Every structure is written in C-alpha cells, then in structure tokens.
PDB file of N, CA and C in Angstrom:
ATOM      1  N   MET A   1      -1.358  -6.251 -61.799  1.00  0.00           N
ATOM      2  CA  MET A   1      -2.296  -5.684 -60.564  1.00  0.00           C
ATOM      3  C   MET A   1      -1.493  -5.785 -59.179  1.00  0.00           C
ATOM      4  N   GLU A   2      -1.722  -4.595 -58.543  1.00  0.00           N
ATOM      5  CA  GLU A   2      -1.002  -4.323 -57.117  1.00  0.00           C
ATOM      6  C   GLU A   2      -2.109  -5.234 -56.054  1.00  0.00           C
ATOM      7  N   LYS A   3      -1.421  -5.937 -55.372  1.00  0.00           N
ATOM      8  CA  LYS A   3      -2.447  -6.448 -54.240  1.00  0.00           C
ATOM      9  C   LYS A   3      -2.194  -5.536 -53.239  1.00  0.00           C
ATOM     10  N   GLU A   4      -3.526  -5.467 -52.794  1.00  0.00           N
ATOM     11  CA  GLU A   4      -3.762  -4.361 -51.371  1.00  0.00           C
ATOM     12  C   GLU A   4      -3.349  -5.071 -50.313  1.00  0.00           C
ATOM     13  N   THR A   5      -2.501  -4.277 -49.733  1.00  0.00           N
ATOM     14  CA  THR A   5      -1.936  -4.687 -48.313  1.00  0.00           C
ATOM     15  C   THR A   5      -2.715  -4.394 -47.154  1.00  0.00           C
ATOM     16  N   SER A   6      -2.874  -5.154 -46.035  1.00  0.00           N
ATOM     17  CA  SER A   6      -3.703  -4.828 -44.885  1.00  0.00           C
ATOM     18  C   SER A   6      -3.067  -4.231 -44.104  1.00  0.00           C
ATOM     19  N   ASN A   7      -3.716  -3.050 -43.290  1.00  0.00           N
ATOM     20  CA  ASN A   7      -3.534  -2.083 -42.180  1.00  0.00           C
ATOM     21  C   ASN A   7      -3.535  -2.952 -40.776  1.00  0.00           C
ATOM     22  N   ARG A   8      -4.229  -4.212 -40.549  1.00  0.00           N
ATOM     23  CA  ARG A   8      -4.580  -4.548 -39.761  1.00  0.00           C
ATOM     24  C   ARG A   8      -3.340  -4.843 -38.614  1.00  0.00           C
ATOM     25  N   GLY A   9      -2.086  -5.361 -39.288  1.00  0.00           N
ATOM     26  CA  GLY A   9      -0.668  -5.628 -38.656  1.00  0.00           C
ATOM     27  C   GLY A   9      -0.370  -4.667 -37.473  1.00  0.00           C
ATOM     28  N   PRO A  10      -0.278  -3.560 -37.422  1.00  0.00           N
ATOM     29  CA  PRO A  10       0.041  -2.644 -36.676  1.00  0.00           C
ATOM     30  C   PRO A  10      -0.816  -2.238 -35.816  1.00  0.00           C
ATOM     31  N   TRP A  11      -2.126  -2.399 -36.000  1.00  0.00           N
ATOM     32  CA  TRP A  11      -3.148  -2.058 -35.256  1.00  0.00           C
ATOM     33  C   TRP A  11      -3.236  -3.229 -34.315  1.00  0.00           C
ATOM     34  N   ILE A  12      -3.333  -4.454 -34.605  1.00  0.00           N
ATOM     35  CA  ILE A  12      -3.311  -5.664 -33.631  1.00  0.00           C
ATOM     36  C   ILE A  12      -1.933  -5.557 -32.723  1.00  0.00           C
ATOM     37  N   PHE A  13      -1.131  -5.164 -33.509  1.00  0.00           N
ATOM     38  CA  PHE A  13       0.157  -5.033 -32.589  1.00  0.00           C
ATOM     39  C   PHE A  13       0.089  -3.752 -31.282  1.00  0.00           C
ATOM     40  N   VAL A  14      -0.449  -2.823 -31.547  1.00  0.00           N
ATOM     41  CA  VAL A  14      -0.980  -1.687 -31.089  1.00  0.00           C
ATOM     42  C   VAL A  14      -1.765  -1.947 -29.625  1.00  0.00           C
ATOM     43  N   LEU A  15      -3.034  -2.747 -30.233  1.00  0.00           N
ATOM     44  CA  LEU A  15      -3.738  -3.626 -29.171  1.00  0.00           C
ATOM     45  C   LEU A  15      -3.189  -4.417 -28.221  1.00  0.00           C
ATOM     46  N   VAL A  16      -2.340  -5.319 -28.702  1.00  0.00           N
ATOM     47  CA  VAL A  16      -1.458  -6.170 -27.700  1.00  0.00           C
ATOM     48  C   VAL A  16      -0.780  -5.531 -26.964  1.00  0.00           C
ATOM     49  N   LEU A  17       0.014  -4.634 -27.279  1.00  0.00           N
ATOM     50  CA  LEU A  17       0.671  -3.535 -26.248  1.00  0.00           C
ATOM     51  C   LEU A  17      -0.264  -3.071 -25.166  1.00  0.00           C
ATOM     52  N   THR A  18      -1.102  -2.421 -25.743  1.00  0.00           N
ATOM     53  CA  THR A  18      -1.929  -1.806 -25.038  1.00  0.00           C
ATOM     54  C   THR A  18      -2.563  -2.598 -23.716  1.00  0.00           C
ATOM     55  N   ILE A  19      -2.992  -3.731 -24.145  1.00  0.00           N
ATOM     56  CA  ILE A  19      -3.427  -4.916 -23.363  1.00  0.00           C
ATOM     57  C   ILE A  19      -2.746  -5.242 -22.286  1.00  0.00           C
ATOM     58  N   ILE A  20      -1.427  -5.460 -22.426  1.00  0.00           N
ATOM     59  CA  ILE A  20      -0.242  -5.704 -21.792  1.00  0.00           C
ATOM     60  C   ILE A  20      -0.023  -4.608 -20.670  1.00  0.00           C
ATOM     61  N   LEU A  21      -0.310  -3.649 -21.210  1.00  0.00           N
ATOM     62  CA  LEU A  21       0.093  -2.296 -20.233  1.00  0.00           C
ATOM     63  C   LEU A  21      -1.158  -2.162 -19.341  1.00  0.00           C
ATOM     64  N   ILE A  22      -2.126  -2.360 -19.744  1.00  0.00           N
ATOM     65  CA  ILE A  22      -3.344  -1.946 -18.865  1.00  0.00           C
ATOM     66  C   ILE A  22      -3.429  -3.332 -17.750  1.00  0.00           C
ATOM     67  N   VAL A  23      -3.230  -4.299 -18.127  1.00  0.00           N
ATOM     68  CA  VAL A  23      -3.324  -5.672 -17.031  1.00  0.00           C
ATOM     69  C   VAL A  23      -1.615  -5.355 -16.169  1.00  0.00           C
ATOM     70  N   GLY A  24      -0.520  -5.068 -16.616  1.00  0.00           N
ATOM     71  CA  GLY A  24       0.521  -4.539 -15.754  1.00  0.00           C
ATOM     72  C   GLY A  24       0.001  -3.932 -14.771  1.00  0.00           C
ATOM     73  N   LEU A  25      -0.489  -2.562 -15.045  1.00  0.00           N
ATOM     74  CA  LEU A  25      -0.839  -1.584 -14.440  1.00  0.00           C
ATOM     75  C   LEU A  25      -1.941  -1.955 -13.376  1.00  0.00           C
ATOM     76  N   TRP A  26      -2.786  -2.733 -13.638  1.00  0.00           N
ATOM     77  CA  TRP A  26      -3.705  -3.212 -12.910  1.00  0.00           C
ATOM     78  C   TRP A  26      -3.342  -4.269 -11.511  1.00  0.00           C
ATOM     79  N   ILE A  27      -2.430  -5.012 -12.101  1.00  0.00           N
ATOM     80  CA  ILE A  27      -1.885  -5.891 -11.112  1.00  0.00           C
ATOM     81  C   ILE A  27      -0.674  -5.133 -10.225  1.00  0.00           C
ATOM     82  N   ASN A  28      -0.120  -4.190 -10.521  1.00  0.00           N
ATOM     83  CA  ASN A  28       0.832  -3.853  -9.705  1.00  0.00           C
ATOM     84  C   ASN A  28       0.171  -2.374  -8.771  1.00  0.00           C
ATOM     85  N   GLN A  29      -1.343  -2.642  -8.623  1.00  0.00           N
ATOM     86  CA  GLN A  29      -1.932  -1.291  -7.652  1.00  0.00           C
ATOM     87  C   GLN A  29      -1.785  -2.102  -6.150  1.00  0.00           C
ATOM     88  N   PRO A  30      -1.574  -0.950  -5.564  1.00  0.00           N
ATOM     89  CA  PRO A  30      -1.523  -1.015  -4.135  1.00  0.00           C
ATOM     90  C   PRO A  30      -2.718  -1.505  -3.576  1.00  0.00           C
ATOM     91  N   MET A  31      -2.483  -2.091  -2.236  1.00  0.00           N
ATOM     92  CA  MET A  31      -3.800  -2.329  -1.540  1.00  0.00           C
ATOM     93  C   MET A  31      -4.582  -1.318  -1.393  1.00  0.00           C
ATOM     94  N   LYS A  32      -6.068  -1.628  -0.978  1.00  0.00           N
ATOM     95  CA  LYS A  32      -6.710  -0.149  -0.607  1.00  0.00           C
ATOM     96  C   LYS A  32      -6.988  -0.288   0.912  1.00  0.00           C
ATOM     97  N   GLU A  33      -7.096   1.077   1.183  1.00  0.00           N
ATOM     98  CA  GLU A  33      -7.116   1.435   2.903  1.00  0.00           C
ATOM     99  C   GLU A  33      -7.886  -0.053   3.550  1.00  0.00           C
ATOM    100  N   GLU A  34      -8.943  -0.349   3.179  1.00  0.00           N
ATOM    101  CA  GLU A  34      -9.837  -1.379   4.389  1.00  0.00           C
ATOM    102  C   GLU A  34      -9.142  -2.535   4.053  1.00  0.00           C
ATOM    103  N   GLU A  35      -8.708  -3.007   2.819  1.00  0.00           N
ATOM    104  CA  GLU A  35      -7.710  -4.380   2.865  1.00  0.00           C
ATOM    105  C   GLU A  35      -6.386  -4.021   3.743  1.00  0.00           C
ATOM    106  N   ALA A  36      -5.821  -2.650   3.695  1.00  0.00           N
ATOM    107  CA  ALA A  36      -4.301  -2.471   4.636  1.00  0.00           C
ATOM    108  C   ALA A  36      -4.703  -2.744   6.207  1.00  0.00           C
ATOM    109  N   ILE A  37      -6.055  -2.048   6.502  1.00  0.00           N
ATOM    110  CA  ILE A  37      -6.343  -2.208   7.924  1.00  0.00           C
ATOM    111  C   ILE A  37      -6.804  -3.388   8.232  1.00  0.00           C
ATOM    112  N   GLU A  38      -7.202  -4.445   7.377  1.00  0.00           N
ATOM    113  CA  GLU A  38      -7.488  -5.991   7.798  1.00  0.00           C
ATOM    114  C   GLU A  38      -6.111  -6.580   7.891  1.00  0.00           C
ATOM    115  N   HIS A  39      -5.301  -6.179   7.114  1.00  0.00           N
ATOM    116  CA  HIS A  39      -3.989  -6.886   7.069  1.00  0.00           C
ATOM    117  C   HIS A  39      -3.275  -6.542   8.437  1.00  0.00           C
ATOM    118  N   ALA A  40      -3.321  -5.388   8.627  1.00  0.00           N
ATOM    119  CA  ALA A  40      -2.755  -4.998   9.881  1.00  0.00           C
ATOM    120  C   ALA A  40      -3.224  -5.465  10.983  1.00  0.00           C
ATOM    121  N   LEU A  41      -4.416  -5.411  11.207  1.00  0.00           N
ATOM    122  CA  LEU A  41      -5.019  -6.427  12.049  1.00  0.00           C
ATOM    123  C   LEU A  41      -4.866  -7.917  12.298  1.00  0.00           C
ATOM    124  N   GLU A  42      -4.436  -8.480  11.336  1.00  0.00           N
ATOM    125  CA  GLU A  42      -4.244  -9.693  11.243  1.00  0.00           C
ATOM    126  C   GLU A  42      -2.978  -9.764  11.721  1.00  0.00           C
ATOM    127  N   VAL A  43      -1.691  -9.033  11.391  1.00  0.00           N
ATOM    128  CA  VAL A  43      -0.502  -9.293  11.506  1.00  0.00           C
ATOM    129  C   VAL A  43      -0.181  -8.938  13.476  1.00  0.00           C
ATOM    130  N   ALA A  44      -0.988  -7.888  13.828  1.00  0.00           N
ATOM    131  CA  ALA A  44      -0.816  -7.490  15.025  1.00  0.00           C
ATOM    132  C   ALA A  44      -1.446  -8.391  16.111  1.00  0.00           C
ATOM    133  N   PRO A  45      -0.798  -8.247  17.365  1.00  0.00           N
ATOM    134  CA  PRO A  45      -1.006  -8.823  18.473  1.00  0.00           C
ATOM    135  C   PRO A  45      -2.644  -8.280  18.799  1.00  0.00           C
ATOM    136  N   GLU A  46      -3.401  -9.608  19.225  1.00  0.00           N
ATOM    137  CA  GLU A  46      -4.739  -9.475  19.377  1.00  0.00           C
ATOM    138  C   GLU A  46      -5.183  -8.318  19.967  1.00  0.00           C
ATOM    139  N   GLU A  47      -4.704  -7.875  21.118  1.00  0.00           N
ATOM    140  CA  GLU A  47      -5.227  -6.601  21.848  1.00  0.00           C
ATOM    141  C   GLU A  47      -5.304  -5.478  21.093  1.00  0.00           C
ATOM    142  N   TYR A  48      -4.521  -5.353  19.969  1.00  0.00           N
ATOM    143  CA  TYR A  48      -4.670  -3.903  18.991  1.00  0.00           C
ATOM    144  C   TYR A  48      -5.819  -4.306  18.205  1.00  0.00           C
ATOM    145  N   THR A  49      -6.786  -3.653  18.533  1.00  0.00           N
ATOM    146  CA  THR A  49      -8.214  -3.961  17.779  1.00  0.00           C
ATOM    147  C   THR A  49      -8.692  -2.368  16.831  1.00  0.00           C
ATOM    148  N   MET A  50      -8.157  -1.136  17.491  1.00  0.00           N
ATOM    149  CA  MET A  50      -8.421  -0.107  17.011  1.00  0.00           C
ATOM    150  C   MET A  50      -7.538   0.960  16.229  1.00  0.00           C
ATOM    151  N   VAL A  51      -7.933   1.180  15.115  1.00  0.00           N
ATOM    152  CA  VAL A  51      -6.882   1.865  14.369  1.00  0.00           C
ATOM    153  C   VAL A  51      -7.126   3.355  14.758  1.00  0.00           C
ATOM    154  N   ASN A  52      -5.729   3.656  15.139  1.00  0.00           N
ATOM    155  CA  ASN A  52      -5.728   5.175  15.468  1.00  0.00           C
ATOM    156  C   ASN A  52      -5.570   6.301  14.593  1.00  0.00           C
ATOM    157  N   SER A  53      -4.621   5.875  13.298  1.00  0.00           N
ATOM    158  CA  SER A  53      -4.475   6.771  12.074  1.00  0.00           C
ATOM    159  C   SER A  53      -4.251   5.579  10.916  1.00  0.00           C
ATOM    160  N   ILE A  54      -4.254   6.100   9.820  1.00  0.00           N
ATOM    161  CA  ILE A  54      -3.507   5.394   8.570  1.00  0.00           C
ATOM    162  C   ILE A  54      -3.690   6.299   7.529  1.00  0.00           C
ATOM    163  N   LYS A  55      -2.311   6.002   6.995  1.00  0.00           N
ATOM    164  CA  LYS A  55      -1.443   7.229   5.758  1.00  0.00           C
ATOM    165  C   LYS A  55      -0.834   6.269   4.915  1.00  0.00           C
ATOM    166  N   PHE A  56      -1.190   6.451   3.591  1.00  0.00           N
ATOM    167  CA  PHE A  56      -0.418   6.206   2.740  1.00  0.00           C
ATOM    168  C   PHE A  56       0.639   6.793   1.951  1.00  0.00           C
ATOM    169  N   ILE A  57       1.722   6.601   1.865  1.00  0.00           N
ATOM    170  CA  ILE A  57       2.998   7.141   1.395  1.00  0.00           C
ATOM    171  C   ILE A  57       3.549   6.682  -0.043  1.00  0.00           C
ATOM    172  N   PRO A  58       3.189   7.689  -1.001  1.00  0.00           N
ATOM    173  CA  PRO A  58       3.265   6.833  -2.351  1.00  0.00           C
ATOM    174  C   PRO A  58       5.192   6.665  -2.525  1.00  0.00           C
ATOM    175  N   MET A  59       5.637   5.891  -3.323  1.00  0.00           N
ATOM    176  CA  MET A  59       6.951   5.713  -3.865  1.00  0.00           C
ATOM    177  C   MET A  59       7.897   6.959  -4.049  1.00  0.00           C
ATOM    178  N   SER A  60       6.896   7.865  -4.659  1.00  0.00           N
ATOM    179  CA  SER A  60       7.699   9.223  -4.937  1.00  0.00           C
ATOM    180  C   SER A  60       8.103  10.131  -3.751  1.00  0.00           C
ATOM    181  N   GLU A  61       7.457   9.535  -2.383  1.00  0.00           N
ATOM    182  CA  GLU A  61       7.734  10.661  -1.478  1.00  0.00           C
ATOM    183  C   GLU A  61       8.439   9.648  -0.397  1.00  0.00           C
ATOM    184  N   ASN A  62       9.159   8.742  -0.565  1.00  0.00           N
ATOM    185  CA  ASN A  62      10.000   8.025   0.391  1.00  0.00           C
ATOM    186  C   ASN A  62      11.213   7.632  -0.008  1.00  0.00           C
ATOM    187  N   GLU A  63      12.214   7.406   0.887  1.00  0.00           N
ATOM    188  CA  GLU A  63      13.292   6.819   0.419  1.00  0.00           C
ATOM    189  C   GLU A  63      13.561   5.336   0.290  1.00  0.00           C
ATOM    190  N   ILE A  64      12.779   4.763   0.587  1.00  0.00           N
ATOM    191  CA  ILE A  64      12.728   3.174   0.138  1.00  0.00           C
ATOM    192  C   ILE A  64      12.585   2.735  -1.067  1.00  0.00           C
ATOM    193  N   GLY A  65      11.284   3.715  -1.693  1.00  0.00           N
ATOM    194  CA  GLY A  65      11.437   3.217  -3.142  1.00  0.00           C
ATOM    195  C   GLY A  65      10.059   2.567  -3.558  1.00  0.00           C
ATOM    196  N   MET A  66       8.964   2.166  -2.725  1.00  0.00           N
ATOM    197  CA  MET A  66       8.005   1.633  -2.666  1.00  0.00           C
ATOM    198  C   MET A  66       6.964   2.493  -1.966  1.00  0.00           C
ATOM    199  N   ASP A  67       5.505   2.005  -2.270  1.00  0.00           N
ATOM    200  CA  ASP A  67       4.456   2.655  -1.633  1.00  0.00           C
ATOM    201  C   ASP A  67       4.291   2.017  -0.177  1.00  0.00           C
ATOM    202  N   ILE A  68       4.087   2.662   0.647  1.00  0.00           N
ATOM    203  CA  ILE A  68       3.902   2.289   2.059  1.00  0.00           C
ATOM    204  C   ILE A  68       2.406   2.538   2.621  1.00  0.00           C
ATOM    205  N   TRP A  69       1.948   1.814   3.485  1.00  0.00           N
ATOM    206  CA  TRP A  69       1.089   2.207   4.260  1.00  0.00           C
ATOM    207  C   TRP A  69       1.470   2.135   5.665  1.00  0.00           C
ATOM    208  N   TYR A  70       1.215   3.389   6.583  1.00  0.00           N
ATOM    209  CA  TYR A  70       1.927   3.638   7.806  1.00  0.00           C
ATOM    210  C   TYR A  70       0.572   3.566   8.701  1.00  0.00           C
ATOM    211  N   ILE A  71       0.490   2.695   9.406  1.00  0.00           N
ATOM    212  CA  ILE A  71      -0.923   2.236  10.058  1.00  0.00           C
ATOM    213  C   ILE A  71      -0.625   2.434  11.818  1.00  0.00           C
ATOM    214  N   GLU A  72      -1.237   3.259  12.410  1.00  0.00           N
ATOM    215  CA  GLU A  72      -1.118   3.069  14.075  1.00  0.00           C
ATOM    216  C   GLU A  72      -2.371   2.493  14.564  1.00  0.00           C
ATOM    217  N   LEU A  73      -2.188   1.426  15.580  1.00  0.00           N
ATOM    218  CA  LEU A  73      -3.031   0.709  16.066  1.00  0.00           C
ATOM    219  C   LEU A  73      -3.239   1.098  17.711  1.00  0.00           C
ATOM    220  N   GLU A  74      -4.159   0.830  18.202  1.00  0.00           N
ATOM    221  CA  GLU A  74      -4.258   1.234  19.759  1.00  0.00           C
ATOM    222  C   GLU A  74      -4.797   0.142  20.451  1.00  0.00           C
ATOM    223  N   ASN A  75      -4.767  -0.388  21.476  1.00  0.00           N
ATOM    224  CA  ASN A  75      -5.221  -1.184  22.345  1.00  0.00           C
ATOM    225  C   ASN A  75      -5.806  -0.503  23.406  1.00  0.00           C
ATOM    226  N   ASN A  76      -6.674  -1.217  24.592  1.00  0.00           N
ATOM    227  CA  ASN A  76      -7.405  -0.697  25.543  1.00  0.00           C
ATOM    228  C   ASN A  76      -6.867   0.033  26.560  1.00  0.00           C
ATOM    229  N   GLN A  77      -5.205  -0.106  26.553  1.00  0.00           N
ATOM    230  CA  GLN A  77      -4.583   0.562  27.854  1.00  0.00           C
ATOM    231  C   GLN A  77      -3.880   1.851  26.854  1.00  0.00           C
ATOM    232  N   LYS A  78      -4.426   2.268  26.119  1.00  0.00           N
ATOM    233  CA  LYS A  78      -4.017   3.250  24.917  1.00  0.00           C
ATOM    234  C   LYS A  78      -2.575   3.079  24.566  1.00  0.00           C
ATOM    235  N   ASP A  79      -2.108   2.023  24.299  1.00  0.00           N
ATOM    236  CA  ASP A  79      -0.560   1.873  24.110  1.00  0.00           C
ATOM    237  C   ASP A  79      -0.862   1.712  22.579  1.00  0.00           C
ATOM    238  N   VAL A  80       0.501   2.063  21.578  1.00  0.00           N
ATOM    239  CA  VAL A  80       0.029   2.566  20.164  1.00  0.00           C
ATOM    240  C   VAL A  80       1.003   1.416  19.330  1.00  0.00           C
ATOM    241  N   LEU A  81       0.621   0.891  18.441  1.00  0.00           N
ATOM    242  CA  LEU A  81       1.677  -0.382  17.799  1.00  0.00           C
ATOM    243  C   LEU A  81       1.628   0.557  16.489  1.00  0.00           C
ATOM    244  N   VAL A  82       2.754   0.914  15.882  1.00  0.00           N
ATOM    245  CA  VAL A  82       3.027   1.319  14.653  1.00  0.00           C
ATOM    246  C   VAL A  82       3.683   0.464  13.384  1.00  0.00           C
ATOM    247  N   LEU A  83       2.754   0.379  12.429  1.00  0.00           N
ATOM    248  CA  LEU A  83       3.008  -0.624  11.502  1.00  0.00           C
ATOM    249  C   LEU A  83       3.145   0.319  10.226  1.00  0.00           C
ATOM    250  N   SER A  84       4.570  -0.239   9.470  1.00  0.00           N
ATOM    251  CA  SER A  84       4.663   0.468   7.966  1.00  0.00           C
ATOM    252  C   SER A  84       4.786  -0.964   7.160  1.00  0.00           C
ATOM    253  N   MET A  85       3.835  -0.915   6.408  1.00  0.00           N
ATOM    254  CA  MET A  85       3.685  -2.260   5.288  1.00  0.00           C
ATOM    255  C   MET A  85       3.868  -1.434   4.052  1.00  0.00           C
ATOM    256  N   ASN A  86       4.373  -2.789   3.251  1.00  0.00           N
ATOM    257  CA  ASN A  86       4.549  -2.660   1.510  1.00  0.00           C
ATOM    258  C   ASN A  86       2.910  -2.493   1.340  1.00  0.00           C
ATOM    259  N   ALA A  87       2.750  -1.876   0.603  1.00  0.00           N
ATOM    260  CA  ALA A  87       1.392  -1.622   0.008  1.00  0.00           C
ATOM    261  C   ALA A  87       1.025  -2.451  -1.032  1.00  0.00           C
ATOM    262  N   LYS A  88       1.831  -3.294  -1.460  1.00  0.00           N
ATOM    263  CA  LYS A  88       1.509  -4.100  -2.670  1.00  0.00           C
ATOM    264  C   LYS A  88       1.572  -5.653  -2.075  1.00  0.00           C
ATOM    265  N   ASN A  89       2.621  -5.787  -1.185  1.00  0.00           N
ATOM    266  CA  ASN A  89       2.458  -7.439  -0.826  1.00  0.00           C
ATOM    267  C   ASN A  89       1.933  -7.610   0.891  1.00  0.00           C
ATOM    268  N   GLY A  90       1.892  -6.200   1.311  1.00  0.00           N
ATOM    269  CA  GLY A  90       1.555  -6.405   2.805  1.00  0.00           C
ATOM    270  C   GLY A  90       2.436  -7.037   3.653  1.00  0.00           C
ATOM    271  N   LYS A  91       3.758  -7.239   3.452  1.00  0.00           N
ATOM    272  CA  LYS A  91       4.765  -7.325   4.288  1.00  0.00           C
ATOM    273  C   LYS A  91       5.032  -6.265   4.896  1.00  0.00           C
ATOM    274  N   VAL A  92       5.483  -6.356   6.393  1.00  0.00           N
ATOM    275  CA  VAL A  92       5.635  -5.566   7.696  1.00  0.00           C
ATOM    276  C   VAL A  92       7.040  -5.168   7.510  1.00  0.00           C
ATOM    277  N   ILE A  93       7.235  -3.884   6.895  1.00  0.00           N
ATOM    278  CA  ILE A  93       8.663  -3.125   6.765  1.00  0.00           C
ATOM    279  C   ILE A  93       9.351  -2.937   8.058  1.00  0.00           C
ATOM    280  N   TYR A  94       8.319  -2.104   8.883  1.00  0.00           N
ATOM    281  CA  TYR A  94       8.721  -1.751  10.355  1.00  0.00           C
ATOM    282  C   TYR A  94       7.596  -1.808  11.260  1.00  0.00           C
ATOM    283  N   GLU A  95       8.011  -2.170  12.639  1.00  0.00           N
ATOM    284  CA  GLU A  95       6.957  -2.479  13.732  1.00  0.00           C
ATOM    285  C   GLU A  95       7.623  -1.821  14.896  1.00  0.00           C
ATOM    286  N   THR A  96       7.002  -0.876  15.495  1.00  0.00           N
ATOM    287  CA  THR A  96       7.267  -0.543  17.005  1.00  0.00           C
ATOM    288  C   THR A  96       6.187  -0.018  17.588  1.00  0.00           C
ATOM    289  N   TYR A  97       6.418  -0.353  19.152  1.00  0.00           N
ATOM    290  CA  TYR A  97       5.448  -0.100  20.079  1.00  0.00           C
ATOM    291  C   TYR A  97       5.509   1.343  20.923  1.00  0.00           C
ATOM    292  N   ARG A  98       4.533   2.059  21.294  1.00  0.00           N
ATOM    293  CA  ARG A  98       4.886   3.092  21.917  1.00  0.00           C
ATOM    294  C   ARG A  98       3.878   3.227  23.001  1.00  0.00           C
ATOM    295  N   ASP A  99       4.117   4.022  23.938  1.00  0.00           N
ATOM    296  CA  ASP A  99       3.387   4.234  25.178  1.00  0.00           C
ATOM    297  C   ASP A  99       2.503   5.507  24.744  1.00  0.00           C
ATOM    298  N   ARG A 100       1.092   5.337  25.159  1.00  0.00           N
ATOM    299  CA  ARG A 100       0.444   6.686  24.920  1.00  0.00           C
ATOM    300  C   ARG A 100       0.861   7.861  25.588  1.00  0.00           C
ATOM    301  N   GLU A 101       0.902   7.737  26.576  1.00  0.00           N
ATOM    302  CA  GLU A 101       1.433   8.981  27.325  1.00  0.00           C
ATOM    303  C   GLU A 101       2.706   9.558  26.834  1.00  0.00           C
ATOM    304  N   ARG A 102       3.738   8.516  26.714  1.00  0.00           N
ATOM    305  CA  ARG A 102       4.984   9.387  26.063  1.00  0.00           C
ATOM    306  C   ARG A 102       4.485   9.993  24.274  1.00  0.00           C
ATOM    307  N   LEU A 103       3.783   8.969  23.762  1.00  0.00           N
ATOM    308  CA  LEU A 103       3.349   9.582  22.472  1.00  0.00           C
ATOM    309  C   LEU A 103       2.830  11.198  22.443  1.00  0.00           C
ATOM    310  N   GLU A 104       1.940  11.375  23.576  1.00  0.00           N
ATOM    311  CA  GLU A 104       1.270  12.825  23.899  1.00  0.00           C
ATOM    312  C   GLU A 104       2.369  13.444  24.378  1.00  0.00           C
ATOM    313  N   MET A 105       3.329  13.401  25.226  1.00  0.00           N
ATOM    314  CA  MET A 105       4.006  14.421  25.477  1.00  0.00           C
ATOM    315  C   MET A 105       5.002  14.594  24.147  1.00  0.00           C
ATOM    316  N   ILE A 106       5.420  13.956  23.388  1.00  0.00           N
ATOM    317  CA  ILE A 106       5.964  14.165  22.141  1.00  0.00           C
ATOM    318  C   ILE A 106       5.544  15.164  21.241  1.00  0.00           C
ATOM    319  N   ARG A 107       3.978  14.701  21.098  1.00  0.00           N
ATOM    320  CA  ARG A 107       3.125  15.498  20.143  1.00  0.00           C
ATOM    321  C   ARG A 107       2.987  16.944  20.658  1.00  0.00           C
ATOM    322  N   GLU A 108       2.966  17.249  22.026  1.00  0.00           N
ATOM    323  CA  GLU A 108       2.970  18.693  22.865  1.00  0.00           C
ATOM    324  C   GLU A 108       4.237  19.217  22.558  1.00  0.00           C
ATOM    325  N   LEU A 109       5.269  18.629  22.183  1.00  0.00           N
ATOM    326  CA  LEU A 109       6.563  19.405  22.236  1.00  0.00           C
ATOM    327  C   LEU A 109       6.498  19.767  20.475  1.00  0.00           C
TER     328      LEU A 109
END
C-alpha cells in the first residue's frame, strides 16, 4: 500500500513567506504626515510653531533614493525654516532658513 503524502508542507512554507513579507512591508512604512509634523516641531527651534507647507517625496521621485518629508515651518516674524527629513526614521537631511520677504520675491519671479 502506498502511503499518502501530505500537501501541507508547501502551503506552510508559502504562509511563512507571506507573513515575513507583510511584516517587512509594515515595518518599512514611512511616517504619517502628523508624525512628521510633530517630529519637525521637536527638531526645530522653539519660535517656529506654524506649519507653512508639507510635501511627501517618494524615493522614486528623488535622486537620494529615500522617502523624504519636505516641511516648511514659520515663526511670528514670518521667517521660514525648511526641513528635509528622512520619512522612515525622522533624521534631518537638510535644513535651511529663509527670510519671508526674500521668499515672496522669489515666488513672484
């Protein structure tokens, strides 16, 4: 008599690989917009309290090869702090300060 073989082995293997894939994708998700704003306000000097604009740039659209949050913060004097942050871990990649009047002149051109 032939012994019946079980078909469970390949299905268990597929299930384990699927779980690994889903967990890996879940862990590598970028920060949400609210989390990015909170982190930017923590990193920025205290006088920058208003969010002027925020933009998410996926890794496929930039030359750095990582997901980036581009955040502009504003203070009471209308000066602007521009932060480029890694969307996965929140590290600041680039930080620059701009005078509001000069920024408006540039936008008009």
